Amino acid sequence: MNKNNQSLKYNHISIIGNGEDWNEKKIKEYCKSSDFIIAADNGLSILDELSIIPDLIIGDLDSVSENILEKYNNIPLEKYPKEKDLTDSEISLQKAISLKPKKISLLAMTGSYFDHSLANIINLFRNYEPNIEIEVITHNAIIFPITSKKEFSGLEGRRFSLFPIGKVSGISITGAKYHLKNFDFKITDYSISNVIIKNRFSIEIKDGFLLFVLYDKGYS
């Protein structure tokens, strides 16, 4: 079966970028659970290092060595010019969204280039799709948008922080050390280093976009 047939239904797509902030075990686990893997430009080098074969390569390929490209000349490639309006990561994300999966995980998307790292976080909102769960995975955290109500279980002891994207109204949190009830954030507000203390944890907003940063177990 051809995995690149767009009539196929995808559950989980992983996109691997070129940032330095990644964890080998996580990339392997996320790729193993995915039914489609996209290498965003030199993310191909990371996948090559980990012996993971992508289903699609996207980018201007200005930072990918010819030797690595040659190894994957049988993999579908969407090449773009270096001078373009969107980053390779955003083009890859939009491609993944067009395939209509249930979930998209973005890995190796943050690192020493702060502007690219921030752009990849903003892309969670700039390319927001209500029916697709989109997340950025760093070496020690998961970053995702909150737009209504989300409930979680089994996260006791996990640290989290909140950042508004513009004005956010009606923020309510239950099951955390510091709770909120119908609270509003303006663009310059944030909540740092709260801790989940209950098995059942929920966060709800009435209007706006809220960035949720959930740290892995052990990061206090």
Foldseek 3Di string as FASTA:
>chain_A
DQLPPLVDAWAEEEEFEAAPFFDLVVVVVRLVPGPAYEYQQCSLVVCVVNVHQGQEYEEQNPPPDPVSCVVNVVHHYDHDHPDDDDGSVLVVVVVVVSSPHQEYEYENQDHDPHVSNVVVLCSLVVVPDPRHWYWYDGHWKIKHKAFFKDKAFDQFFKWKKKAFPAKWFQKFKPQKPDTDGGDIDGRPDMGGTIGRHHRMIMIGTDGGMMMMIITHPPDD
